[in-house]
Amino acid sequence: MNFQTIPHCLDKNINFMTIQPLNIASKIDHTILRPEATKQDIIKLCQEAMQYSFFSVCVNSSWVPTAVRELEDSNVVVAAVSGFPLGAMSTAAKAYESQLAAGQGAKEIDTVLNIGKLKEGDLRNVEEDLKMVVVSANGCGALVKVILETCLLTPKEITTACLLAMDAGAEFVKTSTGFSKSGTSIEAVQLMRRVVGTNCQVKASGGIKDFSTAQAMIDAGADRLGTSSGIAIVNEELLRSKQ
């Protein structure tokens, strides 16, 4: 398939009001990962990201060419997920998906570690799995965020996962996919920050739907937030700033 032939659907004559960005907008990965998302949903996501000055859009890898095209004249970064949402795919599949997405213009790859391998103590396999993704993504100019799915892990496992992600060369550790039994928690973010220190960044995601929760995650140590509620969060921040 020639990805260059994908039609550009955004009317460049449309003028969008840019929302005055505050601190929190620059930390938000504006996200849509629903399986039923359509091209128009992705285009809308990109328009909103430009309007609200979000850091990035985060999409499934099949939508990378569309998002890159829509955002080509903006400062918004395209992020894509790989091995999502289970992390149980083969290493070769994860690495190829990451390389393909990065090669098509994604600057960040959010990949899910192999949770089952971590739980059974096959740490060498987990690290090698992540290293292959990191090498594949970095080789095409993209950084890697490792999704731990903290709701399925013990504090000890979260600690181990963070150390493995750093050893593999990942630039971020991330709490959740948003597709498991629960999302992020302040306790998980705090633990991850303690473990990685200043050697790695932390992304909180899953269940962040309002400004108070978003701010609490940042206060706990999150550098970035993954959410589909970014507009509501920024609008609440704007409202508070005027009070």
Protein backbone atom coordinates (compact mmCIF):
# COMPACT_ATOMS: atom_id res chain seq x y z
CA MET A 1 0.00 0.00 0.00
CA ASN A 2 1.30 3.46 -0.87
CA PHE A 3 0.64 5.55 2.22
CA GLN A 4 1.35 8.72 0.26
CA THR A 5 -1.96 8.22 -1.57
CA ILE A 6 -4.10 8.57 1.55
CA PRO A 7 -6.34 11.62 0.92
CA HIS A 8 -5.84 14.71 3.05
CA CYS A 9 -9.31 15.36 4.43
CA LEU A 10 -8.77 18.49 6.53
CA ASP A 11 -9.94 21.66 4.82
CA LYS A 12 -6.99 24.02 5.19
CA ASN A 13 -9.34 27.00 4.84
CA ILE A 14 -10.90 26.27 8.21
CA ASN A 15 -9.59 28.64 10.87
CA PHE A 16 -9.56 27.15 14.34
CA MET A 17 -9.49 29.31 17.45
CA THR A 18 -6.35 28.37 19.33
CA ILE A 19 -6.99 27.92 23.02
CA GLN A 20 -4.43 29.81 25.09
CA PRO A 21 -2.19 26.98 26.34
CA LEU A 22 -1.53 26.67 30.04
CA ASN A 23 0.93 24.36 31.73
CA ILE A 24 -1.17 21.21 31.68
CA ALA A 25 -1.94 21.20 27.93
CA SER A 26 1.74 20.74 27.13
CA LYS A 27 1.76 17.55 29.19
CA ILE A 28 -1.22 15.88 27.53
CA ASP A 29 -1.12 13.10 24.94
CA HIS A 30 -4.57 13.56 23.36
CA THR A 31 -5.64 9.96 22.89
CA ILE A 32 -8.05 7.85 20.90
CA LEU A 33 -7.43 4.10 20.89
CA ARG A 34 -10.97 2.79 20.58
CA PRO A 35 -11.28 -0.02 18.02
CA GLU A 36 -14.29 1.68 16.43
CA ALA A 37 -12.43 4.97 15.78
CA THR A 38 -12.78 6.13 12.17
CA LYS A 39 -10.64 8.38 9.99
CA GLN A 40 -12.93 11.29 10.79
CA ASP A 41 -12.39 10.61 14.50
CA ILE A 42 -8.63 10.77 13.97
CA ILE A 43 -8.89 13.99 11.97
CA LYS A 44 -11.02 15.52 14.72
CA LEU A 45 -8.48 14.40 17.32
CA CYS A 46 -5.70 16.14 15.39
CA GLN A 47 -7.73 19.32 14.97
CA GLU A 48 -8.42 19.40 18.71
CA ALA A 49 -4.75 18.79 19.52
CA MET A 50 -3.76 21.80 17.41
CA GLN A 51 -6.53 23.94 18.83
CA TYR A 52 -5.65 23.18 22.45
CA SER A 53 -1.85 22.97 22.00
CA PHE A 54 -1.59 19.41 23.35
CA PHE A 55 1.83 17.79 23.27
CA SER A 56 0.78 14.90 21.06
CA VAL A 57 -1.95 12.70 19.70
CA CYS A 58 -1.76 9.00 20.56
CA VAL A 59 -3.33 6.60 18.06
CA ASN A 60 -3.28 2.99 16.94
CA SER A 61 -0.50 2.35 14.45
CA SER A 62 -2.81 2.03 11.43
CA TRP A 63 -3.72 5.72 11.85
CA VAL A 64 -0.16 7.08 11.93
CA PRO A 65 -0.10 8.18 8.25
CA THR A 66 -3.40 10.02 8.66
CA ALA A 67 -2.30 11.76 11.87
CA VAL A 68 1.09 12.72 10.41
CA ARG A 69 -0.58 14.25 7.39
CA GLU A 70 -3.09 16.21 9.47
CA LEU A 71 -0.40 17.56 11.80
CA GLU A 72 2.34 18.27 9.27
CA ASP A 73 2.19 22.06 9.77
CA SER A 74 1.94 21.97 13.56
CA ASN A 75 4.10 21.34 16.61
CA VAL A 76 1.92 18.44 17.77
CA VAL A 77 3.78 15.12 17.91
CA VAL A 78 2.31 11.82 16.70
CA ALA A 79 2.56 8.89 19.13
CA ALA A 80 1.50 5.33 18.32
CA VAL A 81 0.95 2.22 20.40
CA SER A 82 2.55 -1.16 19.70
CA GLY A 83 1.79 -4.58 21.14
CA PHE A 84 -1.40 -2.96 22.37
CA PRO A 85 -3.25 -3.54 24.63
CA LEU A 86 -2.07 -6.94 25.93
CA GLY A 87 1.70 -6.96 25.41
CA ALA A 88 1.56 -10.69 24.69
CA MET A 89 2.45 -10.49 20.97
CA SER A 90 5.70 -11.91 19.65
CA THR A 91 8.76 -9.71 20.01
CA ALA A 92 9.20 -9.62 16.24
CA ALA A 93 5.63 -8.38 15.78
CA LYS A 94 6.06 -5.63 18.38
CA ALA A 95 9.38 -4.55 16.95
CA TYR A 96 8.05 -4.45 13.39
CA GLU A 97 4.93 -2.51 14.36
CA SER A 98 7.12 -0.02 16.24
CA GLN A 99 9.55 0.34 13.33
CA LEU A 100 6.73 0.74 10.80
CA ALA A 101 4.94 3.41 12.86
CA ALA A 102 8.17 5.31 13.50
CA GLY A 103 9.13 5.04 9.85
CA GLN A 104 5.78 6.58 8.90
CA GLY A 105 6.37 9.56 11.16
CA ALA A 106 5.43 8.62 14.73
CA LYS A 107 7.92 10.25 17.10
CA GLU A 108 6.87 8.26 20.16
CA ILE A 109 5.97 4.59 20.60
CA ASP A 110 3.92 3.43 23.59
CA THR A 111 4.52 -0.32 23.86
CA VAL A 112 3.15 -2.85 26.35
CA LEU A 113 5.61 -5.10 28.14
CA ASN A 114 4.96 -8.83 28.33
CA ILE A 115 3.07 -8.97 31.61
CA GLY A 116 2.85 -12.77 31.80
CA LYS A 117 6.61 -13.17 31.30
CA LEU A 118 7.24 -10.61 34.03
CA LYS A 119 4.95 -12.41 36.46
CA GLU A 120 6.57 -15.79 35.87
CA GLY A 121 10.00 -14.29 36.46
CA ASP A 122 11.34 -14.56 32.91
CA LEU A 123 13.02 -11.18 33.23
CA ARG A 124 15.58 -11.79 30.50
CA ASN A 125 12.76 -12.33 28.00
CA VAL A 126 10.97 -9.17 29.15
CA GLU A 127 14.10 -7.06 28.79
CA GLU A 128 15.04 -8.49 25.40
CA ASP A 129 11.48 -7.93 24.19
CA LEU A 130 11.68 -4.27 25.18
CA LYS A 131 15.20 -3.84 23.80
CA MET A 132 14.04 -4.98 20.36
CA VAL A 133 11.24 -2.41 20.40
CA VAL A 134 13.60 0.34 21.58
CA VAL A 135 16.18 -0.46 18.91
CA SER A 136 13.51 -0.58 16.20
CA ALA A 137 11.86 2.69 17.27
CA ASN A 138 15.05 4.62 18.08
CA GLY A 139 16.50 3.60 14.73
CA CYS A 140 13.68 5.50 13.04
CA GLY A 141 13.88 8.50 15.33
CA ALA A 142 11.16 7.64 17.86
CA LEU A 143 11.43 7.35 21.63
CA VAL A 144 9.73 4.55 23.59
CA LYS A 145 7.30 4.57 26.50
CA VAL A 146 6.87 1.21 28.22
CA ILE A 147 3.34 0.51 29.48
CA LEU A 148 3.47 -1.56 32.67
CA GLU A 149 -0.29 -2.06 33.29
CA THR A 150 0.22 -1.35 36.99
CA CYS A 151 -3.24 -2.53 38.04
CA LEU A 152 -2.09 -6.09 37.26
CA LEU A 153 1.22 -5.81 39.11
CA THR A 154 2.41 -5.85 42.71
CA PRO A 155 4.62 -2.99 43.96
CA LYS A 156 7.63 -5.31 43.64
CA GLU A 157 6.68 -6.15 40.05
CA ILE A 158 6.21 -2.46 39.23
CA THR A 159 9.69 -1.78 40.57
CA THR A 160 11.18 -4.63 38.55
CA ALA A 161 9.35 -3.51 35.40
CA CYS A 162 10.67 0.03 35.74
CA LEU A 163 14.24 -1.22 36.12
CA LEU A 164 13.89 -3.50 33.10
CA ALA A 165 12.46 -0.68 30.99
CA MET A 166 15.37 1.58 31.89
CA ASP A 167 17.90 -1.18 31.21
CA ALA A 168 16.27 -1.70 27.80
CA GLY A 169 16.82 1.97 26.97
CA ALA A 170 13.24 3.24 27.16
CA GLU A 171 12.75 6.94 27.70
CA PHE A 172 9.44 6.62 29.61
CA VAL A 173 7.61 4.23 31.87
CA LYS A 174 3.82 4.46 31.65
CA THR A 175 1.18 3.23 34.06
CA SER A 176 -1.67 1.83 32.01
CA THR A 177 -3.33 1.04 28.71
CA GLY A 178 -6.75 2.16 29.89
CA PHE A 179 -8.11 -1.18 28.65
CA SER A 180 -7.55 -3.32 31.77
CA LYS A 181 -9.53 -3.65 34.98
CA SER A 182 -8.51 -0.19 36.19
CA GLY A 183 -6.29 2.70 35.21
CA THR A 184 -3.59 4.66 36.91
CA SER A 185 -3.25 5.52 40.60
CA ILE A 186 -1.32 8.12 42.55
CA GLU A 187 0.47 5.35 44.43
CA ALA A 188 1.69 3.73 41.21
CA VAL A 189 2.96 7.03 39.82
CA GLN A 190 4.75 7.84 43.07
CA LEU A 191 6.41 4.43 43.13
CA MET A 192 7.47 4.65 39.50
CA ARG A 193 8.96 8.10 40.07
CA ARG A 194 10.93 6.87 43.08
CA VAL A 195 12.31 3.95 41.11
CA VAL A 196 13.31 5.78 37.93
CA GLY A 197 14.38 9.03 39.58
CA THR A 198 15.66 11.42 36.93
CA ASN A 199 16.84 8.62 34.65
CA CYS A 200 13.48 8.13 32.95
CA GLN A 201 10.22 10.01 32.53
CA VAL A 202 6.83 8.88 33.83
CA LYS A 203 3.51 8.92 31.98
CA ALA A 204 0.21 8.45 33.82
CA SER A 205 -2.76 7.19 31.83
CA GLY A 206 -6.09 5.48 32.34
CA GLY A 207 -9.00 7.15 34.12
CA ILE A 208 -7.68 10.74 34.05
CA LYS A 209 -10.90 12.59 33.30
CA ASP A 210 -10.75 15.91 35.17
CA PHE A 211 -8.31 18.64 36.16
CA SER A 212 -8.03 17.58 39.80
CA THR A 213 -6.99 14.05 38.86
CA ALA A 214 -4.59 15.33 36.21
CA GLN A 215 -2.95 17.74 38.63
CA ALA A 216 -2.72 15.01 41.29
CA MET A 217 -0.84 12.78 38.83
CA ILE A 218 1.59 15.57 38.00
CA ASP A 219 2.11 16.29 41.70
CA ALA A 220 2.81 12.57 42.20
CA GLY A 221 5.60 12.72 39.63
CA ALA A 222 4.07 12.30 36.17
CA ASP A 223 5.79 14.15 33.32
CA ARG A 224 3.09 13.34 30.79
CA LEU A 225 -0.63 12.43 30.87
CA GLY A 226 -2.47 10.13 28.50
CA THR A 227 -6.16 10.94 28.31
CA SER A 228 -9.13 11.24 25.99
CA SER A 229 -10.52 13.97 28.28
CA GLY A 230 -7.86 16.57 27.56
CA ILE A 231 -10.32 19.22 26.38
CA ALA A 232 -12.37 19.01 29.58
CA ILE A 233 -9.18 19.14 31.66
CA VAL A 234 -7.79 22.22 29.89
CA ASN A 235 -11.15 24.00 29.96
CA GLU A 236 -11.38 23.38 33.69
CA GLU A 237 -7.87 24.73 34.14
CA LEU A 238 -8.78 27.85 32.13
CA LEU A 239 -11.89 28.36 34.24
CA ARG A 240 -9.92 28.03 37.46
CA SER A 241 -7.31 30.52 36.24
CA LYS A 242 -10.03 33.15 35.80
CA GLN A 243 -11.47 32.74 39.27
